[in-house]
Amino acid sequence: QEKATVEKTSAAARPTDRTLDFAAVARKLVRRIPENA
């Protein structure tokens, strides 16, 4: 039970494959566009 609790807590703290920091991704995409494009 303790091992399952630790794994569950770790999984909750670790972002899943489908979690997206959309604000950070948007800023990163805009930074990659040259200002004179």
Full PDB file with SEQRES, HELIX, SHEET, SSBOND, CRYST1, ORIGX, SCALE, CONECT and MASTER records, all heavy atoms in Angstrom:
SEQRES   1 A   37  GLN GLU LYS ALA THR VAL GLU LYS THR SER ALA ALA ALA          
SEQRES   2 A   37  ARG PRO THR ASP ARG THR LEU ASP PHE ALA ALA VAL ALA          
SEQRES   3 A   37  ARG LYS LEU VAL ARG ARG ILE PRO GLU ASN ALA                  
HELIX    1 AA1 GLU A    2  ALA A   13  1                                  12    
HELIX    2 AA2 PHE A   22  ARG A   31  1                                  10    
CRYST1    1.000    1.000    1.000  90.00  90.00  90.00 P 1           1          
ORIGX1      1.000000  0.000000  0.000000        0.00000                         
ORIGX2      0.000000  1.000000  0.000000        0.00000                         
ORIGX3      0.000000  0.000000  1.000000        0.00000                         
SCALE1      1.000000  0.000000  0.000000        0.00000                         
SCALE2      0.000000  1.000000  0.000000        0.00000                         
SCALE3      0.000000  0.000000  1.000000        0.00000                         
ATOM      1  N   GLN A   1       0.823  -1.204   0.000  1.00  0.00           N  
ATOM      2  CA  GLN A   1       0.000   0.000   0.000  1.00  0.00           C  
ATOM      3  C   GLN A   1       0.861   1.259   0.000  1.00  0.00           C  
ATOM      4  O   GLN A   1       0.553   2.240  -0.695  1.00  0.00           O  
ATOM      5  CB  GLN A   1      -0.931  -0.009   1.210  1.00  0.00           C  
ATOM      6  CG  GLN A   1      -2.010  -1.073   1.144  1.00  0.00           C  
ATOM      7  CD  GLN A   1      -2.865  -1.098   2.388  1.00  0.00           C  
ATOM      8  OE1 GLN A   1      -2.572  -0.422   3.381  1.00  0.00           O  
ATOM      9  NE2 GLN A   1      -3.956  -1.872   2.357  1.00  0.00           N  
ATOM     10  N   GLU A   2       1.935   1.241   0.772  1.00  0.00           N  
ATOM     11  CA  GLU A   2       2.834   2.391   0.800  1.00  0.00           C  
ATOM     12  C   GLU A   2       3.499   2.603  -0.556  1.00  0.00           C  
ATOM     13  O   GLU A   2       3.623   3.737  -1.027  1.00  0.00           O  
ATOM     14  CB  GLU A   2       3.898   2.183   1.874  1.00  0.00           C  
ATOM     15  CG  GLU A   2       4.851   3.361   2.045  1.00  0.00           C  
ATOM     16  CD  GLU A   2       5.855   3.123   3.144  1.00  0.00           C  
ATOM     17  OE1 GLU A   2       5.761   2.074   3.817  1.00  0.00           O  
ATOM     18  OE2 GLU A   2       6.724   3.978   3.345  1.00  0.00           O  
ATOM     19  N   LYS A   3       3.896   1.512  -1.201  1.00  0.00           N  
ATOM     20  CA  LYS A   3       4.505   1.602  -2.521  1.00  0.00           C  
ATOM     21  C   LYS A   3       3.520   2.145  -3.544  1.00  0.00           C  
ATOM     22  O   LYS A   3       3.864   2.986  -4.379  1.00  0.00           O  
ATOM     23  CB  LYS A   3       5.012   0.238  -2.962  1.00  0.00           C  
ATOM     24  CG  LYS A   3       5.714   0.236  -4.307  1.00  0.00           C  
ATOM     25  CD  LYS A   3       6.208  -1.156  -4.662  1.00  0.00           C  
ATOM     26  CE  LYS A   3       6.890  -1.160  -6.026  1.00  0.00           C  
ATOM     27  NZ  LYS A   3       7.355  -2.532  -6.383  1.00  0.00           N  
ATOM     28  N   ALA A   4       2.260   1.675  -3.471  1.00  0.00           N  
ATOM     29  CA  ALA A   4       1.234   2.162  -4.394  1.00  0.00           C  
ATOM     30  C   ALA A   4       0.959   3.641  -4.171  1.00  0.00           C  
ATOM     31  O   ALA A   4       0.754   4.400  -5.124  1.00  0.00           O  
ATOM     32  CB  ALA A   4      -0.053   1.350  -4.224  1.00  0.00           C  
ATOM     33  N   THR A   5       0.961   4.072  -2.899  1.00  0.00           N  
ATOM     34  CA  THR A   5       0.730   5.486  -2.590  1.00  0.00           C  
ATOM     35  C   THR A   5       1.852   6.357  -3.142  1.00  0.00           C  
ATOM     36  O   THR A   5       1.610   7.424  -3.711  1.00  0.00           O  
ATOM     37  CB  THR A   5       0.609   5.681  -1.075  1.00  0.00           C  
ATOM     38  OG1 THR A   5      -0.447   4.863  -0.571  1.00  0.00           O  
ATOM     39  CG2 THR A   5       0.325   7.137  -0.746  1.00  0.00           C  
ATOM     40  N   VAL A   6       3.098   5.883  -2.988  1.00  0.00           N  
ATOM     41  CA  VAL A   6       4.241   6.638  -3.515  1.00  0.00           C  
ATOM     42  C   VAL A   6       4.179   6.735  -5.025  1.00  0.00           C  
ATOM     43  O   VAL A   6       4.411   7.800  -5.621  1.00  0.00           O  
ATOM     44  CB  VAL A   6       5.554   5.976  -3.048  1.00  0.00           C  
ATOM     45  CG1 VAL A   6       6.744   6.627  -3.749  1.00  0.00           C  
ATOM     46  CG2 VAL A   6       5.699   6.089  -1.548  1.00  0.00           C  
ATOM     47  N   GLU A   7       3.849   5.624  -5.692  1.00  0.00           N  
ATOM     48  CA  GLU A   7       3.752   5.644  -7.148  1.00  0.00           C  
ATOM     49  C   GLU A   7       2.629   6.554  -7.611  1.00  0.00           C  
ATOM     50  O   GLU A   7       2.776   7.266  -8.600  1.00  0.00           O  
ATOM     51  CB  GLU A   7       3.531   4.225  -7.663  1.00  0.00           C  
ATOM     52  CG  GLU A   7       4.739   3.309  -7.476  1.00  0.00           C  
ATOM     53  CD  GLU A   7       4.466   1.904  -7.960  1.00  0.00           C  
ATOM     54  OE1 GLU A   7       3.287   1.625  -8.303  1.00  0.00           O  
ATOM     55  OE2 GLU A   7       5.410   1.100  -8.005  1.00  0.00           O  
ATOM     56  N   LYS A   8       1.505   6.522  -6.898  1.00  0.00           N  
ATOM     57  CA  LYS A   8       0.386   7.385  -7.268  1.00  0.00           C  
ATOM     58  C   LYS A   8       0.734   8.853  -7.093  1.00  0.00           C  
ATOM     59  O   LYS A   8       0.409   9.701  -7.929  1.00  0.00           O  
ATOM     60  CB  LYS A   8      -0.836   7.022  -6.422  1.00  0.00           C  
ATOM     61  CG  LYS A   8      -2.094   7.778  -6.803  1.00  0.00           C  
ATOM     62  CD  LYS A   8      -3.273   7.311  -5.974  1.00  0.00           C  
ATOM     63  CE  LYS A   8      -4.537   8.062  -6.361  1.00  0.00           C  
ATOM     64  NZ  LYS A   8      -5.703   7.605  -5.537  1.00  0.00           N  
ATOM     65  N   THR A   9       1.430   9.172  -5.995  1.00  0.00           N  
ATOM     66  CA  THR A   9       1.845  10.556  -5.752  1.00  0.00           C  
ATOM     67  C   THR A   9       2.843  11.016  -6.802  1.00  0.00           C  
ATOM     68  O   THR A   9       2.766  12.141  -7.308  1.00  0.00           O  
ATOM     69  CB  THR A   9       2.462  10.680  -4.349  1.00  0.00           C  
ATOM     70  OG1 THR A   9       1.533  10.209  -3.379  1.00  0.00           O  
ATOM     71  CG2 THR A   9       2.826  12.127  -4.052  1.00  0.00           C  
ATOM     72  N   SER A  10       3.772  10.146  -7.161  1.00  0.00           N  
ATOM     73  CA  SER A  10       4.771  10.489  -8.173  1.00  0.00           C  
ATOM     74  C   SER A  10       4.110  10.698  -9.525  1.00  0.00           C  
ATOM     75  O   SER A  10       4.466  11.608 -10.273  1.00  0.00           O  
ATOM     76  CB  SER A  10       5.834   9.392  -8.262  1.00  0.00           C  
ATOM     77  OG  SER A  10       6.478   9.220  -7.018  1.00  0.00           O  
ATOM     78  N   ALA A  11       3.139   9.825  -9.836  1.00  0.00           N  
ATOM     79  CA  ALA A  11       2.453   9.957 -11.118  1.00  0.00           C  
ATOM     80  C   ALA A  11       1.638  11.243 -11.175  1.00  0.00           C  
ATOM     81  O   ALA A  11       1.541  11.885 -12.226  1.00  0.00           O  
ATOM     82  CB  ALA A  11       1.541   8.754 -11.341  1.00  0.00           C  
ATOM     83  N   ALA A  12       1.058  11.625 -10.034  1.00  0.00           N  
ATOM     84  CA  ALA A  12       0.280  12.868 -10.006  1.00  0.00           C  
ATOM     85  C   ALA A  12       1.183  14.088 -10.126  1.00  0.00           C  
ATOM     86  O   ALA A  12       0.823  15.091 -10.740  1.00  0.00           O  
ATOM     87  CB  ALA A  12      -0.536  12.953  -8.716  1.00  0.00           C  
ATOM     88  N   ALA A  13       2.368  14.008  -9.536  1.00  0.00           N  
ATOM     89  CA  ALA A  13       3.296  15.143  -9.602  1.00  0.00           C  
ATOM     90  C   ALA A  13       3.988  15.233 -10.949  1.00  0.00           C  
ATOM     91  O   ALA A  13       4.377  16.318 -11.380  1.00  0.00           O  
ATOM     92  CB  ALA A  13       4.347  15.015  -8.499  1.00  0.00           C  
ATOM     93  N   ARG A  14       4.129  14.092 -11.626  1.00  0.00           N  
ATOM     94  CA  ARG A  14       4.813  14.079 -12.916  1.00  0.00           C  
ATOM     95  C   ARG A  14       3.819  14.358 -14.021  1.00  0.00           C  
ATOM     96  O   ARG A  14       2.779  13.726 -14.099  1.00  0.00           O  
ATOM     97  CB  ARG A  14       5.462  12.712 -13.141  1.00  0.00           C  
ATOM     98  CG  ARG A  14       6.272  12.625 -14.414  1.00  0.00           C  
ATOM     99  CD  ARG A  14       6.994  11.291 -14.492  1.00  0.00           C  
ATOM    100  NE  ARG A  14       6.076  10.166 -14.462  1.00  0.00           N  
ATOM    101  CZ  ARG A  14       5.938   9.347 -13.440  1.00  0.00           C  
ATOM    102  NH1 ARG A  14       6.635   9.512 -12.341  1.00  0.00           N  
ATOM    103  NH2 ARG A  14       5.082   8.320 -13.494  1.00  0.00           N  
ATOM    104  N   PRO A  15       4.073  15.321 -14.916  1.00  0.00           N  
ATOM    105  CA  PRO A  15       3.133  15.606 -15.995  1.00  0.00           C  
ATOM    106  C   PRO A  15       2.995  14.413 -16.918  1.00  0.00           C  
ATOM    107  O   PRO A  15       3.967  13.739 -17.225  1.00  0.00           O  
ATOM    108  CB  PRO A  15       3.777  16.811 -16.719  1.00  0.00           C  
ATOM    109  CG  PRO A  15       5.209  16.758 -16.339  1.00  0.00           C  
ATOM    110  CD  PRO A  15       5.272  16.163 -14.976  1.00  0.00           C  
ATOM    111  N   THR A  16       1.797  14.124 -17.364  1.00  0.00           N  
ATOM    112  CA  THR A  16       1.555  13.023 -18.272  1.00  0.00           C  
ATOM    113  C   THR A  16       1.867  13.443 -19.697  1.00  0.00           C  
ATOM    114  O   THR A  16       2.134  14.599 -20.003  1.00  0.00           O  
ATOM    115  CB  THR A  16       0.086  12.592 -18.187  1.00  0.00           C  
ATOM    116  OG1 THR A  16      -0.742  13.690 -18.598  1.00  0.00           O  
ATOM    117  CG2 THR A  16      -0.269  12.224 -16.752  1.00  0.00           C  
ATOM    118  N   ASP A  17       1.798  12.443 -20.580  1.00  0.00           N  
ATOM    119  CA  ASP A  17       2.103  12.710 -21.982  1.00  0.00           C  
ATOM    120  C   ASP A  17       1.107  13.674 -22.597  1.00  0.00           C  
ATOM    121  O   ASP A  17       1.393  14.320 -23.597  1.00  0.00           O  
ATOM    122  CB  ASP A  17       2.116  11.398 -22.778  1.00  0.00           C  
ATOM    123  CG  ASP A  17       3.294  10.522 -22.391  1.00  0.00           C  
ATOM    124  OD1 ASP A  17       4.262  11.076 -21.833  1.00  0.00           O  
ATOM    125  OD2 ASP A  17       3.233   9.305 -22.639  1.00  0.00           O  
ATOM    126  N   ARG A  18      -0.087  13.755 -22.006  1.00  0.00           N  
ATOM    127  CA  ARG A  18      -1.116  14.590 -22.607  1.00  0.00           C  
ATOM    128  C   ARG A  18      -1.266  15.930 -21.893  1.00  0.00           C  
ATOM    129  O   ARG A  18      -2.209  16.649 -22.119  1.00  0.00           O  
ATOM    130  CB  ARG A  18      -2.458  13.842 -22.602  1.00  0.00           C  
ATOM    131  CG  ARG A  18      -2.440  12.634 -23.530  1.00  0.00           C  
ATOM    132  CD  ARG A  18      -3.801  11.972 -23.583  1.00  0.00           C  
ATOM    133  NE  ARG A  18      -3.810  10.905 -24.557  1.00  0.00           N  
ATOM    134  CZ  ARG A  18      -4.114  11.070 -25.842  1.00  0.00           C  
ATOM    135  NH1 ARG A  18      -4.438  12.255 -26.285  1.00  0.00           N  
ATOM    136  NH2 ARG A  18      -4.114  10.044 -26.675  1.00  0.00           N  
ATOM    137  N   THR A  19      -0.364  16.264 -21.007  1.00  0.00           N  
ATOM    138  CA  THR A  19      -0.397  17.550 -20.326  1.00  0.00           C  
ATOM    139  C   THR A  19       0.426  18.559 -21.108  1.00  0.00           C  
ATOM    140  O   THR A  19       1.553  18.278 -21.486  1.00  0.00           O  
ATOM    141  CB  THR A  19       0.147  17.427 -18.894  1.00  0.00           C  
ATOM    142  OG1 THR A  19      -0.644  16.475 -18.183  1.00  0.00           O  
ATOM    143  CG2 THR A  19       0.109  18.761 -18.194  1.00  0.00           C  
ATOM    144  N   LEU A  20      -0.133  19.728 -21.335  1.00  0.00           N  
ATOM    145  CA  LEU A  20       0.512  20.737 -22.165  1.00  0.00           C  
ATOM    146  C   LEU A  20       0.546  22.071 -21.429  1.00  0.00           C  
ATOM    147  O   LEU A  20      -0.487  22.564 -20.975  1.00  0.00           O  
ATOM    148  CB  LEU A  20      -0.242  20.890 -23.494  1.00  0.00           C  
ATOM    149  CG  LEU A  20       0.245  22.009 -24.428  1.00  0.00           C  
ATOM    150  CD1 LEU A  20       1.635  21.685 -24.952  1.00  0.00           C  
ATOM    151  CD2 LEU A  20      -0.726  22.201 -25.581  1.00  0.00           C  
ATOM    152  N   ASP A  21       1.735  22.636 -21.311  1.00  0.00           N  
ATOM    153  CA  ASP A  21       1.875  23.998 -20.809  1.00  0.00           C  
ATOM    154  C   ASP A  21       1.670  24.923 -22.003  1.00  0.00           C  
ATOM    155  O   ASP A  21       2.622  25.343 -22.654  1.00  0.00           O  
ATOM    156  CB  ASP A  21       3.252  24.190 -20.174  1.00  0.00           C  
ATOM    157  CG  ASP A  21       3.387  25.535 -19.486  1.00  0.00           C  
ATOM    158  OD1 ASP A  21       2.466  26.379 -19.629  1.00  0.00           O  
ATOM    159  OD2 ASP A  21       4.410  25.762 -18.817  1.00  0.00           O  
ATOM    160  N   PHE A  22       0.397  25.215 -22.308  1.00  0.00           N  
ATOM    161  CA  PHE A  22       0.072  25.881 -23.573  1.00  0.00           C  
ATOM    162  C   PHE A  22       0.646  27.298 -23.647  1.00  0.00           C  
ATOM    163  O   PHE A  22       1.044  27.744 -24.714  1.00  0.00           O  
ATOM    164  CB  PHE A  22      -1.445  25.904 -23.792  1.00  0.00           C  
ATOM    165  CG  PHE A  22      -2.243  26.445 -22.647  1.00  0.00           C  
ATOM    166  CD1 PHE A  22      -2.448  27.797 -22.505  1.00  0.00           C  
ATOM    167  CD2 PHE A  22      -2.809  25.588 -21.715  1.00  0.00           C  
ATOM    168  CE1 PHE A  22      -3.191  28.300 -21.458  1.00  0.00           C  
ATOM    169  CE2 PHE A  22      -3.566  26.077 -20.664  1.00  0.00           C  
ATOM    170  CZ  PHE A  22      -3.760  27.441 -20.532  1.00  0.00           C  
ATOM    171  N   ALA A  23       0.707  27.988 -22.516  1.00  0.00           N  
ATOM    172  CA  ALA A  23       1.254  29.349 -22.544  1.00  0.00           C  
ATOM    173  C   ALA A  23       2.734  29.325 -22.896  1.00  0.00           C  
ATOM    174  O   ALA A  23       3.213  30.137 -23.706  1.00  0.00           O  
ATOM    175  CB  ALA A  23       1.022  30.028 -21.206  1.00  0.00           C  
ATOM    176  N   ALA A  24       3.486  28.382 -22.305  1.00  0.00           N  
ATOM    177  CA  ALA A  24       4.919  28.291 -22.595  1.00  0.00           C  
ATOM    178  C   ALA A  24       5.165  27.883 -24.032  1.00  0.00           C  
ATOM    179  O   ALA A  24       6.070  28.401 -24.694  1.00  0.00           O  
ATOM    180  CB  ALA A  24       5.573  27.295 -21.634  1.00  0.00           C  
ATOM    181  N   VAL A  25       4.366  26.949 -24.546  1.00  0.00           N  
ATOM    182  CA  VAL A  25       4.528  26.515 -25.942  1.00  0.00           C  
ATOM    183  C   VAL A  25       4.215  27.660 -26.888  1.00  0.00           C  
ATOM    184  O   VAL A  25       4.921  27.868 -27.892  1.00  0.00           O  
ATOM    185  CB  VAL A  25       3.623  25.306 -26.223  1.00  0.00           C  
ATOM    186  CG1 VAL A  25       3.632  24.958 -27.721  1.00  0.00           C  
ATOM    187  CG2 VAL A  25       4.088  24.104 -25.420  1.00  0.00           C  
ATOM    188  N   ALA A  26       3.170  28.419 -26.606  1.00  0.00           N  
ATOM    189  CA  ALA A  26       2.815  29.553 -27.467  1.00  0.00           C  
ATOM    190  C   ALA A  26       3.938  30.579 -27.508  1.00  0.00           C  
ATOM    191  O   ALA A  26       4.311  31.079 -28.579  1.00  0.00           O  
ATOM    192  CB  ALA A  26       1.521  30.197 -26.975  1.00  0.00           C  
ATOM    193  N   ARG A  27       4.519  30.890 -26.347  1.00  0.00           N  
ATOM    194  CA  ARG A  27       5.618  31.857 -26.317  1.00  0.00           C  
ATOM    195  C   ARG A  27       6.838  31.326 -27.067  1.00  0.00           C  
ATOM    196  O   ARG A  27       7.529  32.081 -27.753  1.00  0.00           O  
ATOM    197  CB  ARG A  27       5.973  32.180 -24.864  1.00  0.00           C  
ATOM    198  CG  ARG A  27       4.921  32.992 -24.130  1.00  0.00           C  
ATOM    199  CD  ARG A  27       5.461  33.527 -22.818  1.00  0.00           C  
ATOM    200  NE  ARG A  27       5.782  32.447 -21.905  1.00  0.00           N  
ATOM    201  CZ  ARG A  27       4.942  31.970 -20.985  1.00  0.00           C  
ATOM    202  NH1 ARG A  27       3.716  32.478 -20.884  1.00  0.00           N  
ATOM    203  NH2 ARG A  27       5.312  30.995 -20.170  1.00  0.00           N  
ATOM    204  N   LYS A  28       7.109  30.028 -26.926  1.00  0.00           N  
ATOM    205  CA  LYS A  28       8.257  29.437 -27.613  1.00  0.00           C  
ATOM    206  C   LYS A  28       8.080  29.505 -29.133  1.00  0.00           C  
ATOM    207  O   LYS A  28       9.018  29.828 -29.868  1.00  0.00           O  
ATOM    208  CB  LYS A  28       8.437  27.988 -27.178  1.00  0.00           C  
ATOM    209  CG  LYS A  28       9.649  27.301 -27.785  1.00  0.00           C  
ATOM    210  CD  LYS A  28       9.690  25.832 -27.442  1.00  0.00           C  
ATOM    211  CE  LYS A  28       9.870  25.625 -25.954  1.00  0.00           C  
ATOM    212  NZ  LYS A  28      10.019  24.176 -25.613  1.00  0.00           N  
ATOM    213  N   LEU A  29       6.866  29.214 -29.613  1.00  0.00           N  
ATOM    214  CA  LEU A  29       6.615  29.269 -31.055  1.00  0.00           C  
ATOM    215  C   LEU A  29       6.760  30.690 -31.586  1.00  0.00           C  
ATOM    216  O   LEU A  29       7.314  30.905 -32.677  1.00  0.00           O  
ATOM    217  CB  LEU A  29       5.215  28.740 -31.346  1.00  0.00           C  
ATOM    218  CG  LEU A  29       5.005  27.231 -31.171  1.00  0.00           C  
ATOM    219  CD1 LEU A  29       3.528  26.881 -31.276  1.00  0.00           C  
ATOM    220  CD2 LEU A  29       5.812  26.461 -32.206  1.00  0.00           C  
ATOM    221  N   VAL A  30       6.276  31.655 -30.828  1.00  0.00           N  
ATOM    222  CA  VAL A  30       6.378  33.055 -31.275  1.00  0.00           C  
ATOM    223  C   VAL A  30       7.835  33.504 -31.277  1.00  0.00           C  
ATOM    224  O   VAL A  30       8.271  34.229 -32.187  1.00  0.00           O  
ATOM    225  CB  VAL A  30       5.510  33.959 -30.374  1.00  0.00           C  
ATOM    226  CG1 VAL A  30       5.750  35.440 -30.710  1.00  0.00           C  
ATOM    227  CG2 VAL A  30       4.033  33.611 -30.542  1.00  0.00           C  
ATOM    228  N   ARG A  31       8.623  33.085 -30.284  1.00  0.00           N  
ATOM    229  CA  ARG A  31      10.035  33.482 -30.240  1.00  0.00           C  
ATOM    230  C   ARG A  31      10.803  32.965 -31.448  1.00  0.00           C  
ATOM    231  O   ARG A  31      11.779  33.601 -31.882  1.00  0.00           O  
ATOM    232  CB  ARG A  31      10.684  32.972 -28.952  1.00  0.00           C  
ATOM    233  CG  ARG A  31      10.332  33.751 -27.710  1.00  0.00           C  
ATOM    234  CD  ARG A  31      11.322  33.471 -26.585  1.00  0.00           C  
ATOM    235  NE  ARG A  31      11.419  32.056 -26.289  1.00  0.00           N  
ATOM    236  CZ  ARG A  31      10.679  31.432 -25.362  1.00  0.00           C  
ATOM    237  NH1 ARG A  31       9.792  32.125 -24.674  1.00  0.00           N  
ATOM    238  NH2 ARG A  31      10.832  30.140 -25.134  1.00  0.00           N  
ATOM    239  N   ARG A  32      10.406  31.833 -31.976  1.00  0.00           N  
ATOM    240  CA  ARG A  32      11.117  31.251 -33.111  1.00  0.00           C  
ATOM    241  C   ARG A  32      10.804  31.942 -34.432  1.00  0.00           C  
ATOM    242  O   ARG A  32      11.461  31.665 -35.435  1.00  0.00           O  
ATOM    243  CB  ARG A  32      10.785  29.760 -33.222  1.00  0.00           C  
ATOM    244  CG  ARG A  32      11.396  28.921 -32.108  1.00  0.00           C  
ATOM    245  CD  ARG A  32      11.001  27.479 -32.230  1.00  0.00           C  
ATOM    246  NE  ARG A  32      11.667  26.661 -31.218  1.00  0.00           N  
ATOM    247  CZ  ARG A  32      11.417  25.365 -31.023  1.00  0.00           C  
ATOM    248  NH1 ARG A  32      10.520  24.753 -31.783  1.00  0.00           N  
ATOM    249  NH2 ARG A  32      12.067  24.699 -30.088  1.00  0.00           N  
ATOM    250  N   ILE A  33       9.823  32.816 -34.435  1.00  0.00           N  
ATOM    251  CA  ILE A  33       9.485  33.556 -35.653  1.00  0.00           C  
ATOM    252  C   ILE A  33      10.316  34.832 -35.695  1.00  0.00           C  
ATOM    253  O   ILE A  33      10.277  35.636 -34.764  1.00  0.00           O  
ATOM    254  CB  ILE A  33       7.989  33.899 -35.693  1.00  0.00           C  
ATOM    255  CG1 ILE A  33       7.139  32.619 -35.580  1.00  0.00           C  
ATOM    256  CG2 ILE A  33       7.653  34.671 -36.955  1.00  0.00           C  
ATOM    257  CD1 ILE A  33       7.358  31.646 -36.693  1.00  0.00           C  
ATOM    258  N   PRO A  34      11.104  35.056 -36.766  1.00  0.00           N  
ATOM    259  CA  PRO A  34      11.887  36.296 -36.862  1.00  0.00           C  
ATOM    260  C   PRO A  34      10.971  37.522 -36.882  1.00  0.00           C  
ATOM    261  O   PRO A  34       9.863  37.479 -37.430  1.00  0.00           O  
ATOM    262  CB  PRO A  34      12.640  36.137 -38.187  1.00  0.00           C  
ATOM    263  CG  PRO A  34      12.641  34.663 -38.463  1.00  0.00           C  
ATOM    264  CD  PRO A  34      11.354  34.148 -37.890  1.00  0.00           C  
ATOM    265  N   GLU A  35      11.442  38.609 -36.280  1.00  0.00           N  
ATOM    266  CA  GLU A  35      10.615  39.818 -36.197  1.00  0.00           C  
ATOM    267  C   GLU A  35      10.352  40.427 -37.564  1.00  0.00           C  
ATOM    268  O   GLU A  35       9.332  41.075 -37.769  1.00  0.00           O  
ATOM    269  CB  GLU A  35      11.297  40.845 -35.282  1.00  0.00           C  
ATOM    270  CG  GLU A  35      11.359  40.409 -33.820  1.00  0.00           C  
ATOM    271  CD  GLU A  35      11.907  41.495 -32.928  1.00  0.00           C  
ATOM    272  OE1 GLU A  35      12.253  42.580 -33.462  1.00  0.00           O  
ATOM    273  OE2 GLU A  35      11.990  41.280 -31.709  1.00  0.00           O  
ATOM    274  N   ASN A  36      11.277  40.240 -38.486  1.00  0.00           N  
ATOM    275  CA  ASN A  36      11.090  40.800 -39.829  1.00  0.00           C  
ATOM    276  C   ASN A  36      10.525  39.778 -40.809  1.00  0.00           C  
ATOM    277  O   ASN A  36      10.634  39.929 -42.017  1.00  0.00           O  
ATOM    278  CB  ASN A  36      12.421  41.336 -40.364  1.00  0.00           C  
ATOM    279  CG  ASN A  36      13.491  40.246 -40.412  1.00  0.00           C  
ATOM    280  OD1 ASN A  36      13.296  39.153 -39.878  1.00  0.00           O  
ATOM    281  ND2 ASN A  36      14.606  40.549 -41.062  1.00  0.00           N  
ATOM    282  N   ALA A  37       9.908  38.700 -40.301  1.00  0.00           N  
ATOM    283  CA  ALA A  37       9.384  37.645 -41.168  1.00  0.00           C  
ATOM    284  C   ALA A  37       8.208  38.159 -41.974  1.00  0.00           C  
ATOM    285  O   ALA A  37       7.417  38.993 -41.523  1.00  0.00           O  
ATOM    286  CB  ALA A  37       8.968  36.442 -40.333  1.00  0.00           C  
TER     287      ALA A  37                                                      
MASTER        0    0    0    2    0    0    0    6  286    1    0    3          
END                                                                             
